[in-house]
Amino acid sequence: MHKKIKSTICVALCAMFFVGGTLSIAMANEDSICSQDIAESDGRYTYIRTAQSTLSISGGNATVIAIADASPVVTKCFITSRLQQKVNGTWTTIDSWTVWGTNNFNDLKRTKVVQKGYEYRVFSTMKAYVGEDYESIASYSNIVRY
């Protein structure tokens, strides 16, 4: 139970970090990727090494990509990605997908037709399991105006 509370707090802190970091990165370069490479030696994470979300839009088709890479001891890896549209200043989820695998690496790639005149982003959560114990992290993509 203590690990789950710790993981929840960690996700909230990571989400706050990624929101601030992603917005400034996206302003500089719409094609940039917001990723988190996590050094195993820094002590923040035991299982998750890399969490990454990207978004590109071409011809009205949004392409969502999310990648989670974890330590070899991980037995299960989940990714849930949400494509979000900014409407009246609020981010609203317009579609979501979940994938999982029984190893330490997982990726998700989906497409969705989107409307012109809005900003879009991807918000993903990655969970890495070792038995019943797990660790999770949030990842935001770049913001794309279409």
C-alpha atoms as a PDB file:
ATOM      1  CA  MET A   1       0.000   0.000   0.000  1.00  0.00           C
ATOM      2  CA  HIS A   2       2.840   2.388   0.870  1.00  0.00           C
ATOM      3  CA  LYS A   3       4.384   1.853  -2.601  1.00  0.00           C
ATOM      4  CA  LYS A   4       1.066   2.692  -4.306  1.00  0.00           C
ATOM      5  CA  ILE A   5       0.733   5.969  -2.392  1.00  0.00           C
ATOM      6  CA  LYS A   6       4.367   6.778  -3.164  1.00  0.00           C
ATOM      7  CA  SER A   7       3.764   6.017  -6.866  1.00  0.00           C
ATOM      8  CA  THR A   8       0.632   8.193  -6.931  1.00  0.00           C
ATOM      9  CA  ILE A   9       2.498  11.126  -5.406  1.00  0.00           C
ATOM     10  CA  CYS A  10       5.318  10.569  -7.870  1.00  0.00           C
ATOM     11  CA  VAL A  11       2.911  10.645 -10.836  1.00  0.00           C
ATOM     12  CA  ALA A  12       1.407  13.918  -9.616  1.00  0.00           C
ATOM     13  CA  LEU A  13       4.840  15.502  -9.218  1.00  0.00           C
ATOM     14  CA  CYS A  14       5.961  14.251 -12.624  1.00  0.00           C
ATOM     15  CA  ALA A  15       2.784  15.591 -14.220  1.00  0.00           C
ATOM     16  CA  MET A  16       3.481  19.040 -12.774  1.00  0.00           C
ATOM     17  CA  PHE A  17       7.071  18.867 -14.035  1.00  0.00           C
ATOM     18  CA  PHE A  18       6.078  17.732 -17.502  1.00  0.00           C
ATOM     19  CA  VAL A  19       3.366  20.370 -17.957  1.00  0.00           C
ATOM     20  CA  GLY A  20       5.785  23.208 -17.294  1.00  0.00           C
ATOM     21  CA  GLY A  21       8.611  21.652 -19.297  1.00  0.00           C
ATOM     22  CA  THR A  22       6.453  20.665 -22.241  1.00  0.00           C
ATOM     23  CA  LEU A  23       4.845  24.061 -22.692  1.00  0.00           C
ATOM     24  CA  SER A  24       8.172  25.848 -23.000  1.00  0.00           C
ATOM     25  CA  ILE A  25       9.610  23.161 -25.281  1.00  0.00           C
ATOM     26  CA  ALA A  26       6.527  23.203 -27.520  1.00  0.00           C
ATOM     27  CA  MET A  27       6.679  26.971 -27.911  1.00  0.00           C
ATOM     28  CA  ALA A  28      10.241  26.689 -29.176  1.00  0.00           C
ATOM     29  CA  ASN A  29       9.658  23.823 -31.614  1.00  0.00           C
ATOM     30  CA  GLU A  30       6.347  22.130 -32.451  1.00  0.00           C
ATOM     31  CA  ASP A  31       8.144  19.004 -33.662  1.00  0.00           C
ATOM     32  CA  SER A  32      10.020  18.571 -30.406  1.00  0.00           C
ATOM     33  CA  ILE A  33       9.609  15.482 -28.277  1.00  0.00           C
ATOM     34  CA  CYS A  34       8.969  15.666 -24.568  1.00  0.00           C
ATOM     35  CA  SER A  35      10.637  12.643 -23.044  1.00  0.00           C
ATOM     36  CA  GLN A  36      11.947  11.648 -19.699  1.00  0.00           C
ATOM     37  CA  ASP A  37      15.141   9.625 -19.622  1.00  0.00           C
ATOM     38  CA  ILE A  38      15.551   8.437 -16.094  1.00  0.00           C
ATOM     39  CA  ALA A  39      18.987   7.473 -14.840  1.00  0.00           C
ATOM     40  CA  GLU A  40      18.832   4.269 -12.808  1.00  0.00           C
ATOM     41  CA  SER A  41      21.472   5.595 -10.429  1.00  0.00           C
ATOM     42  CA  ASP A  42      19.628   8.775  -9.456  1.00  0.00           C
ATOM     43  CA  GLY A  43      17.327   6.930  -7.048  1.00  0.00           C
ATOM     44  CA  ARG A  44      14.064   8.500  -8.249  1.00  0.00           C
ATOM     45  CA  TYR A  45      12.854   5.426 -10.112  1.00  0.00           C
ATOM     46  CA  THR A  46      13.624   1.793  -9.667  1.00  0.00           C
ATOM     47  CA  TYR A  47      11.960   0.326 -12.769  1.00  0.00           C
ATOM     48  CA  ILE A  48      11.155   2.950 -15.430  1.00  0.00           C
ATOM     49  CA  ARG A  49      14.090   4.184 -17.533  1.00  0.00           C
ATOM     50  CA  THR A  50      12.364   6.100 -20.345  1.00  0.00           C
ATOM     51  CA  ALA A  51       8.839   7.438 -20.838  1.00  0.00           C
ATOM     52  CA  GLN A  52       8.062   9.304 -24.053  1.00  0.00           C
ATOM     53  CA  SER A  53       4.989  10.692 -25.831  1.00  0.00           C
ATOM     54  CA  THR A  54       4.883  12.337 -29.258  1.00  0.00           C
ATOM     55  CA  LEU A  55       2.204  13.879 -31.450  1.00  0.00           C
ATOM     56  CA  SER A  56       2.213  14.860 -35.099  1.00  0.00           C
ATOM     57  CA  ILE A  57      -0.688  16.009 -37.288  1.00  0.00           C
ATOM     58  CA  SER A  58      -0.731  15.821 -41.063  1.00  0.00           C
ATOM     59  CA  GLY A  59      -3.719  16.192 -43.370  1.00  0.00           C
ATOM     60  CA  GLY A  60      -6.133  16.067 -40.446  1.00  0.00           C
ATOM     61  CA  ASN A  61      -4.697  12.809 -39.093  1.00  0.00           C
ATOM     62  CA  ALA A  62      -3.138  12.931 -35.625  1.00  0.00           C
ATOM     63  CA  THR A  63      -0.483  10.297 -34.960  1.00  0.00           C
ATOM     64  CA  VAL A  64       0.014   9.414 -31.306  1.00  0.00           C
ATOM     65  CA  ILE A  65       3.153   7.541 -30.234  1.00  0.00           C
ATOM     66  CA  ALA A  66       4.096   6.566 -26.689  1.00  0.00           C
ATOM     67  CA  ILE A  67       7.087   4.492 -25.575  1.00  0.00           C
ATOM     68  CA  ALA A  68       7.936   2.993 -22.194  1.00  0.00           C
ATOM     69  CA  ASP A  69      11.271   1.315 -21.504  1.00  0.00           C
ATOM     70  CA  ALA A  70      11.937  -0.237 -18.126  1.00  0.00           C
ATOM     71  CA  SER A  71      14.484  -2.294 -16.253  1.00  0.00           C
ATOM     72  CA  PRO A  72      14.872  -5.945 -17.367  1.00  0.00           C
ATOM     73  CA  VAL A  73      13.326  -7.107 -14.051  1.00  0.00           C
ATOM     74  CA  VAL A  74       9.941  -5.666 -15.112  1.00  0.00           C
ATOM     75  CA  THR A  75       7.367  -8.345 -15.913  1.00  0.00           C
ATOM     76  CA  LYS A  76       4.480  -6.209 -17.178  1.00  0.00           C
ATOM     77  CA  CYS A  77       4.368  -2.778 -18.817  1.00  0.00           C
ATOM     78  CA  PHE A  78       1.206  -0.699 -19.419  1.00  0.00           C
ATOM     79  CA  ILE A  79       0.755   2.488 -21.452  1.00  0.00           C
ATOM     80  CA  THR A  80      -2.421   4.552 -21.491  1.00  0.00           C
ATOM     81  CA  SER A  81      -2.390   7.516 -23.891  1.00  0.00           C
ATOM     82  CA  ARG A  82      -5.037  10.193 -24.181  1.00  0.00           C
ATOM     83  CA  LEU A  83      -5.311  12.494 -27.199  1.00  0.00           C
ATOM     84  CA  GLN A  84      -6.432  15.847 -25.839  1.00  0.00           C
ATOM     85  CA  GLN A  85      -7.914  18.905 -27.557  1.00  0.00           C
ATOM     86  CA  LYS A  86      -7.868  22.381 -26.018  1.00  0.00           C
ATOM     87  CA  VAL A  87     -11.391  23.810 -26.012  1.00  0.00           C
ATOM     88  CA  ASN A  88     -12.095  27.169 -24.328  1.00  0.00           C
ATOM     89  CA  GLY A  89      -8.806  26.957 -22.441  1.00  0.00           C
ATOM     90  CA  THR A  90      -9.415  23.439 -21.077  1.00  0.00           C
ATOM     91  CA  TRP A  91      -7.728  20.205 -22.199  1.00  0.00           C
ATOM     92  CA  THR A  92     -10.406  17.618 -23.059  1.00  0.00           C
ATOM     93  CA  THR A  93      -9.695  13.964 -23.879  1.00  0.00           C
ATOM     94  CA  ILE A  94     -11.135  13.092 -27.291  1.00  0.00           C
ATOM     95  CA  ASP A  95      -9.805   9.513 -27.476  1.00  0.00           C
ATOM     96  CA  SER A  96      -7.712   7.138 -25.384  1.00  0.00           C
ATOM     97  CA  TRP A  97      -5.940   3.827 -25.842  1.00  0.00           C
ATOM     98  CA  THR A  98      -4.251   1.295 -23.562  1.00  0.00           C
ATOM     99  CA  VAL A  99      -1.670  -1.345 -24.419  1.00  0.00           C
ATOM    100  CA  TRP A 100       0.217  -3.725 -22.193  1.00  0.00           C
ATOM    101  CA  GLY A 101       2.846  -6.363 -22.585  1.00  0.00           C
ATOM    102  CA  THR A 102       4.587  -9.002 -20.527  1.00  0.00           C
ATOM    103  CA  ASN A 103       8.071  -7.581 -20.825  1.00  0.00           C
ATOM    104  CA  ASN A 104      10.013  -4.429 -19.993  1.00  0.00           C
ATOM    105  CA  PHE A 105       9.348  -2.484 -23.215  1.00  0.00           C
ATOM    106  CA  ASN A 106       6.074  -1.348 -24.722  1.00  0.00           C
ATOM    107  CA  ASP A 107       4.951   1.102 -27.358  1.00  0.00           C
ATOM    108  CA  LEU A 108       1.674   2.470 -28.630  1.00  0.00           C
ATOM    109  CA  LYS A 109       0.921   4.007 -32.023  1.00  0.00           C
ATOM    110  CA  ARG A 110      -2.558   5.185 -32.990  1.00  0.00           C
ATOM    111  CA  THR A 111      -4.122   7.664 -35.413  1.00  0.00           C
ATOM    112  CA  LYS A 112      -7.226   9.796 -35.093  1.00  0.00           C
ATOM    113  CA  VAL A 113      -8.882  12.316 -37.424  1.00  0.00           C
ATOM    114  CA  VAL A 114      -8.893  15.771 -35.778  1.00  0.00           C
ATOM    115  CA  GLN A 115     -10.571  19.119 -36.476  1.00  0.00           C
ATOM    116  CA  LYS A 116      -8.802  22.262 -37.650  1.00  0.00           C
ATOM    117  CA  GLY A 117      -8.540  25.316 -35.447  1.00  0.00           C
ATOM    118  CA  TYR A 118      -7.482  23.656 -32.183  1.00  0.00           C
ATOM    119  CA  GLU A 119      -4.400  22.783 -30.164  1.00  0.00           C
ATOM    120  CA  TYR A 120      -3.712  19.110 -29.407  1.00  0.00           C
ATOM    121  CA  ARG A 121      -1.432  17.152 -27.096  1.00  0.00           C
ATOM    122  CA  VAL A 122      -0.966  13.615 -25.804  1.00  0.00           C
ATOM    123  CA  PHE A 123      -0.984  12.749 -22.107  1.00  0.00           C
ATOM    124  CA  SER A 124       0.325   9.261 -21.339  1.00  0.00           C
ATOM    125  CA  THR A 125       0.806   7.274 -18.175  1.00  0.00           C
ATOM    126  CA  MET A 126       3.215   4.370 -18.070  1.00  0.00           C
ATOM    127  CA  LYS A 127       3.210   1.655 -15.408  1.00  0.00           C
ATOM    128  CA  ALA A 128       5.961  -0.914 -14.904  1.00  0.00           C
ATOM    129  CA  TYR A 129       5.229  -3.958 -12.711  1.00  0.00           C
ATOM    130  CA  VAL A 130       7.484  -6.376 -10.872  1.00  0.00           C
ATOM    131  CA  GLY A 131       5.053  -8.836  -9.359  1.00  0.00           C
ATOM    132  CA  GLU A 132       2.410  -6.781  -7.524  1.00  0.00           C
ATOM    133  CA  ASP A 133       4.758  -3.830  -6.999  1.00  0.00           C
ATOM    134  CA  TYR A 134       4.611  -1.100  -9.648  1.00  0.00           C
ATOM    135  CA  GLU A 135       5.933   2.290 -10.575  1.00  0.00           C
ATOM    136  CA  SER A 136       4.229   4.849 -12.803  1.00  0.00           C
ATOM    137  CA  ILE A 137       5.123   8.059 -14.593  1.00  0.00           C
ATOM    138  CA  ALA A 138       3.280  10.649 -16.691  1.00  0.00           C
ATOM    139  CA  SER A 139       4.480  11.990 -20.033  1.00  0.00           C
ATOM    140  CA  TYR A 140       3.134  14.885 -22.111  1.00  0.00           C
ATOM    141  CA  SER A 141       3.833  15.350 -25.813  1.00  0.00           C
ATOM    142  CA  ASN A 142       4.548  18.538 -27.642  1.00  0.00           C
ATOM    143  CA  ILE A 143       1.529  20.794 -28.303  1.00  0.00           C
ATOM    144  CA  VAL A 144       0.470  20.932 -31.951  1.00  0.00           C
ATOM    145  CA  ARG A 145      -1.837  23.579 -33.420  1.00  0.00           C
ATOM    146  CA  TYR A 146      -3.801  22.345 -36.413  1.00  0.00           C
END
